[in-house]
């Protein structure tokens, strides 16, 4: 059976991979929109700003997730709590930015396109898995607070 430290480590690796994948996706969207300036008309800069802000949010999440992995390895609980608050705030910011860009595109297209539906579906799936992964990290913190320790014992020679 997997203990909570392993589950939290797997969650950290999951967050690293998802952040990288989201940065790639929205980087593609920014480069794709560079060719569609005329199609997006007056909302082009708003959509591009939202996408660039999502990219910046996930680059910050990537750095925070590397930090989380190190904190799990070193069993530093205070920094794990800081990561949890930061991650949830950045996740909420990403949701607002994604909705903002979709509303702007809807304003031009007069309907939600397939890409909008894909973005919302992808975000919803990631949100469910992120809640589960954050739960693993908080379980790890709770188990450590209750006295479980994963540090190697010092060998005592007599």
C-alpha atoms as a PDB file:
ATOM      1  CA  UNK A   1       0.000   0.000   0.000  1.00  0.00           C
ATOM      2  CA  UNK A   2       1.234   3.477  -0.857  1.00  0.00           C
ATOM      3  CA  UNK A   3       1.845   5.862   2.015  1.00  0.00           C
ATOM      4  CA  UNK A   4       0.896   9.527   1.956  1.00  0.00           C
ATOM      5  CA  UNK A   5       4.421  10.694   1.217  1.00  0.00           C
ATOM      6  CA  UNK A   6       4.507   8.675  -1.998  1.00  0.00           C
ATOM      7  CA  UNK A   7       1.035   9.927  -2.922  1.00  0.00           C
ATOM      8  CA  UNK A   8       2.131  13.534  -2.331  1.00  0.00           C
ATOM      9  CA  UNK A   9       5.254  12.959  -4.441  1.00  0.00           C
ATOM     10  CA  UNK A  10       3.144  11.553  -7.270  1.00  0.00           C
ATOM     11  CA  UNK A  11       0.837  14.578  -6.936  1.00  0.00           C
ATOM     12  CA  UNK A  12       3.837  16.917  -7.249  1.00  0.00           C
ATOM     13  CA  UNK A  13       4.989  15.122 -10.396  1.00  0.00           C
ATOM     14  CA  UNK A  14       1.429  15.288 -11.767  1.00  0.00           C
ATOM     15  CA  UNK A  15       1.329  19.041 -11.139  1.00  0.00           C
ATOM     16  CA  UNK A  16       4.688  19.510 -12.884  1.00  0.00           C
ATOM     17  CA  UNK A  17       3.499  17.640 -15.966  1.00  0.00           C
ATOM     18  CA  UNK A  18       0.135  19.409 -16.121  1.00  0.00           C
ATOM     19  CA  UNK A  19       1.741  22.846 -15.781  1.00  0.00           C
ATOM     20  CA  UNK A  20       4.121  22.049 -18.618  1.00  0.00           C
ATOM     21  CA  UNK A  21       1.269  20.766 -20.810  1.00  0.00           C
ATOM     22  CA  UNK A  22      -0.890  23.857 -20.150  1.00  0.00           C
ATOM     23  CA  UNK A  23       2.026  26.178 -20.990  1.00  0.00           C
ATOM     24  CA  UNK A  24       2.489  24.331 -24.281  1.00  0.00           C
ATOM     25  CA  UNK A  25      -1.217  24.482 -25.111  1.00  0.00           C
ATOM     26  CA  UNK A  26      -1.627  28.187 -24.418  1.00  0.00           C
ATOM     27  CA  UNK A  27       1.653  28.998 -26.165  1.00  0.00           C
ATOM     28  CA  UNK A  28       0.188  27.318 -29.224  1.00  0.00           C
ATOM     29  CA  UNK A  29      -2.989  29.387 -28.781  1.00  0.00           C
ATOM     30  CA  UNK A  30      -0.980  32.641 -28.621  1.00  0.00           C
ATOM     31  CA  UNK A  31       0.960  31.762 -31.781  1.00  0.00           C
ATOM     32  CA  UNK A  32      -2.242  30.656 -33.528  1.00  0.00           C
ATOM     33  CA  UNK A  33      -3.970  33.930 -32.638  1.00  0.00           C
ATOM     34  CA  UNK A  34      -1.075  35.920 -34.101  1.00  0.00           C
ATOM     35  CA  UNK A  35      -2.364  34.814 -37.511  1.00  0.00           C
ATOM     36  CA  UNK A  36      -5.989  35.666 -36.655  1.00  0.00           C
ATOM     37  CA  UNK A  37      -5.706  39.323 -35.705  1.00  0.00           C
ATOM     38  CA  UNK A  38      -8.387  40.306 -38.231  1.00  0.00           C
ATOM     39  CA  UNK A  39     -10.775  37.571 -37.031  1.00  0.00           C
ATOM     40  CA  UNK A  40     -10.611  38.595 -33.374  1.00  0.00           C
ATOM     41  CA  UNK A  41     -10.901  42.323 -34.196  1.00  0.00           C
ATOM     42  CA  UNK A  42     -11.098  44.529 -31.114  1.00  0.00           C
ATOM     43  CA  UNK A  43     -10.811  41.720 -28.532  1.00  0.00           C
ATOM     44  CA  UNK A  44      -7.481  40.417 -29.867  1.00  0.00           C
ATOM     45  CA  UNK A  45      -5.371  42.085 -27.184  1.00  0.00           C
ATOM     46  CA  UNK A  46      -7.691  40.989 -24.385  1.00  0.00           C
ATOM     47  CA  UNK A  47      -7.571  37.355 -25.517  1.00  0.00           C
ATOM     48  CA  UNK A  48      -3.803  37.454 -25.946  1.00  0.00           C
ATOM     49  CA  UNK A  49      -3.400  39.064 -22.518  1.00  0.00           C
ATOM     50  CA  UNK A  50      -5.541  36.342 -20.925  1.00  0.00           C
ATOM     51  CA  UNK A  51      -3.532  33.599 -22.629  1.00  0.00           C
ATOM     52  CA  UNK A  52      -0.197  35.169 -21.656  1.00  0.00           C
ATOM     53  CA  UNK A  53      -1.414  35.563 -18.077  1.00  0.00           C
ATOM     54  CA  UNK A  54      -2.393  31.871 -18.010  1.00  0.00           C
ATOM     55  CA  UNK A  55       1.075  30.993 -19.303  1.00  0.00           C
ATOM     56  CA  UNK A  56       2.649  33.156 -16.580  1.00  0.00           C
ATOM     57  CA  UNK A  57       0.395  31.582 -13.968  1.00  0.00           C
ATOM     58  CA  UNK A  58       1.482  28.093 -14.962  1.00  0.00           C
ATOM     59  CA  UNK A  59       5.143  29.016 -15.123  1.00  0.00           C
ATOM     60  CA  UNK A  60       4.794  30.219 -11.539  1.00  0.00           C
ATOM     61  CA  UNK A  61       2.921  26.994 -10.699  1.00  0.00           C
ATOM     62  CA  UNK A  62       5.771  25.020 -12.286  1.00  0.00           C
ATOM     63  CA  UNK A  63       8.275  26.735  -9.987  1.00  0.00           C
ATOM     64  CA  UNK A  64       5.972  26.205  -6.995  1.00  0.00           C
ATOM     65  CA  UNK A  65       5.595  22.519  -7.878  1.00  0.00           C
ATOM     66  CA  UNK A  66       9.356  22.023  -7.984  1.00  0.00           C
ATOM     67  CA  UNK A  67       9.378  23.710  -4.585  1.00  0.00           C
ATOM     68  CA  UNK A  68       6.612  21.332  -3.411  1.00  0.00           C
ATOM     69  CA  UNK A  69       8.578  18.282  -4.492  1.00  0.00           C
ATOM     70  CA  UNK A  70      11.635  19.494  -2.589  1.00  0.00           C
ATOM     71  CA  UNK A  71       9.484  20.235   0.489  1.00  0.00           C
ATOM     72  CA  UNK A  72       7.988  16.742   0.384  1.00  0.00           C
ATOM     73  CA  UNK A  73      11.448  15.238   0.087  1.00  0.00           C
ATOM     74  CA  UNK A  74      12.794  17.312   2.995  1.00  0.00           C
ATOM     75  CA  UNK A  75       9.509  17.071   4.979  1.00  0.00           C
ATOM     76  CA  UNK A  76       9.121  20.828   5.434  1.00  0.00           C
ATOM     77  CA  UNK A  77       5.504  21.279   6.458  1.00  0.00           C
ATOM     78  CA  UNK A  78       5.344  25.070   6.727  1.00  0.00           C
ATOM     79  CA  UNK A  79       6.351  25.520   3.100  1.00  0.00           C
ATOM     80  CA  UNK A  80       3.867  22.850   1.988  1.00  0.00           C
ATOM     81  CA  UNK A  81       1.075  24.901   3.588  1.00  0.00           C
ATOM     82  CA  UNK A  82       2.327  27.967   1.715  1.00  0.00           C
ATOM     83  CA  UNK A  83       2.287  25.944  -1.524  1.00  0.00           C
ATOM     84  CA  UNK A  84      -1.310  24.851  -0.908  1.00  0.00           C
ATOM     85  CA  UNK A  85      -2.572  28.417  -0.489  1.00  0.00           C
ATOM     86  CA  UNK A  86      -0.558  29.670  -3.476  1.00  0.00           C
ATOM     87  CA  UNK A  87      -1.661  26.822  -5.705  1.00  0.00           C
ATOM     88  CA  UNK A  88      -5.348  27.297  -4.935  1.00  0.00           C
ATOM     89  CA  UNK A  89      -5.090  31.059  -5.571  1.00  0.00           C
ATOM     90  CA  UNK A  90      -3.340  30.516  -8.908  1.00  0.00           C
ATOM     91  CA  UNK A  91      -5.882  27.874  -9.906  1.00  0.00           C
ATOM     92  CA  UNK A  92      -8.705  30.339  -9.247  1.00  0.00           C
ATOM     93  CA  UNK A  93      -6.855  33.006 -11.252  1.00  0.00           C
ATOM     94  CA  UNK A  94      -6.495  30.592 -14.158  1.00  0.00           C
ATOM     95  CA  UNK A  95     -10.236  29.860 -14.082  1.00  0.00           C
ATOM     96  CA  UNK A  96     -11.070  33.576 -14.226  1.00  0.00           C
ATOM     97  CA  UNK A  97      -8.638  34.176 -17.094  1.00  0.00           C
ATOM     98  CA  UNK A  98      -9.926  31.205 -19.072  1.00  0.00           C
ATOM     99  CA  UNK A  99     -13.542  32.355 -18.701  1.00  0.00           C
ATOM    100  CA  UNK A 100     -12.509  35.904 -19.635  1.00  0.00           C
ATOM    101  CA  UNK A 101     -10.821  34.780 -22.860  1.00  0.00           C
ATOM    102  CA  UNK A 102     -13.766  32.551 -23.761  1.00  0.00           C
ATOM    103  CA  UNK A 103     -16.260  35.379 -23.223  1.00  0.00           C
ATOM    104  CA  UNK A 104     -14.183  37.684 -25.407  1.00  0.00           C
ATOM    105  CA  UNK A 105     -14.011  35.082 -28.179  1.00  0.00           C
ATOM    106  CA  UNK A 106     -17.744  34.472 -27.791  1.00  0.00           C
ATOM    107  CA  UNK A 107     -18.317  38.206 -28.279  1.00  0.00           C
ATOM    108  CA  UNK A 108     -16.670  38.028 -31.715  1.00  0.00           C
ATOM    109  CA  UNK A 109     -17.916  34.585 -32.823  1.00  0.00           C
ATOM    110  CA  UNK A 110     -21.464  35.058 -31.470  1.00  0.00           C
ATOM    111  CA  UNK A 111     -21.283  31.498 -30.116  1.00  0.00           C
ATOM    112  CA  UNK A 112     -18.986  29.311 -28.065  1.00  0.00           C
ATOM    113  CA  UNK A 113     -16.755  27.467 -30.487  1.00  0.00           C
ATOM    114  CA  UNK A 114     -15.403  23.939 -30.130  1.00  0.00           C
ATOM    115  CA  UNK A 115     -12.115  25.186 -28.732  1.00  0.00           C
ATOM    116  CA  UNK A 116     -13.959  26.984 -25.938  1.00  0.00           C
ATOM    117  CA  UNK A 117     -15.794  23.795 -25.031  1.00  0.00           C
ATOM    118  CA  UNK A 118     -12.501  21.887 -25.108  1.00  0.00           C
ATOM    119  CA  UNK A 119     -10.820  24.431 -22.813  1.00  0.00           C
ATOM    120  CA  UNK A 120     -13.645  24.264 -20.279  1.00  0.00           C
ATOM    121  CA  UNK A 121     -13.725  20.447 -20.425  1.00  0.00           C
ATOM    122  CA  UNK A 122      -9.934  20.233 -20.057  1.00  0.00           C
ATOM    123  CA  UNK A 123      -9.982  22.665 -17.131  1.00  0.00           C
ATOM    124  CA  UNK A 124     -12.812  20.738 -15.434  1.00  0.00           C
ATOM    125  CA  UNK A 125     -10.947  17.429 -15.704  1.00  0.00           C
ATOM    126  CA  UNK A 126      -7.743  19.043 -14.416  1.00  0.00           C
ATOM    127  CA  UNK A 127      -9.692  20.635 -11.569  1.00  0.00           C
ATOM    128  CA  UNK A 128     -11.041  17.265 -10.421  1.00  0.00           C
ATOM    129  CA  UNK A 129      -7.602  15.653 -10.531  1.00  0.00           C
ATOM    130  CA  UNK A 130      -6.034  18.689  -8.867  1.00  0.00           C
ATOM    131  CA  UNK A 131      -8.483  18.498  -5.967  1.00  0.00           C
ATOM    132  CA  UNK A 132      -7.572  14.830  -5.499  1.00  0.00           C
ATOM    133  CA  UNK A 133      -3.843  15.610  -5.714  1.00  0.00           C
ATOM    134  CA  UNK A 134      -4.104  18.539  -3.272  1.00  0.00           C
ATOM    135  CA  UNK A 135      -5.918  16.163  -0.934  1.00  0.00           C
ATOM    136  CA  UNK A 136      -2.928  13.791  -1.098  1.00  0.00           C
ATOM    137  CA  UNK A 137      -0.576  16.643  -0.228  1.00  0.00           C
ATOM    138  CA  UNK A 138      -2.733  17.756   2.712  1.00  0.00           C
ATOM    139  CA  UNK A 139      -3.018  14.150   3.936  1.00  0.00           C
ATOM    140  CA  UNK A 140       0.764  13.992   3.905  1.00  0.00           C
ATOM    141  CA  UNK A 141       0.900  17.177   5.992  1.00  0.00           C
ATOM    142  CA  UNK A 142      -1.697  15.874   8.438  1.00  0.00           C
ATOM    143  CA  UNK A 143       0.116  12.568   8.813  1.00  0.00           C
ATOM    144  CA  UNK A 144       3.353  14.408   9.560  1.00  0.00           C
ATOM    145  CA  UNK A 145       1.591  16.603  12.145  1.00  0.00           C
ATOM    146  CA  UNK A 146       0.302  13.477  13.875  1.00  0.00           C
ATOM    147  CA  UNK A 147       3.854  12.270  14.400  1.00  0.00           C
ATOM    148  CA  UNK A 148       4.677  10.153  11.359  1.00  0.00           C
ATOM    149  CA  UNK A 149       8.264  10.743  10.301  1.00  0.00           C
ATOM    150  CA  UNK A 150      10.017   9.697   7.090  1.00  0.00           C
ATOM    151  CA  UNK A 151      13.477  10.965   7.927  1.00  0.00           C
ATOM    152  CA  UNK A 152      16.175   8.359   8.135  1.00  0.00           C
ATOM    153  CA  UNK A 153      17.129   7.343  11.621  1.00  0.00           C
ATOM    154  CA  UNK A 154      20.606   8.029  12.834  1.00  0.00           C
ATOM    155  CA  UNK A 155      22.629   4.938  13.429  1.00  0.00           C
ATOM    156  CA  UNK A 156      23.876   4.700  16.953  1.00  0.00           C
ATOM    157  CA  UNK A 157      27.080   2.809  17.440  1.00  0.00           C
ATOM    158  CA  UNK A 158      27.894   1.491  20.863  1.00  0.00           C
END
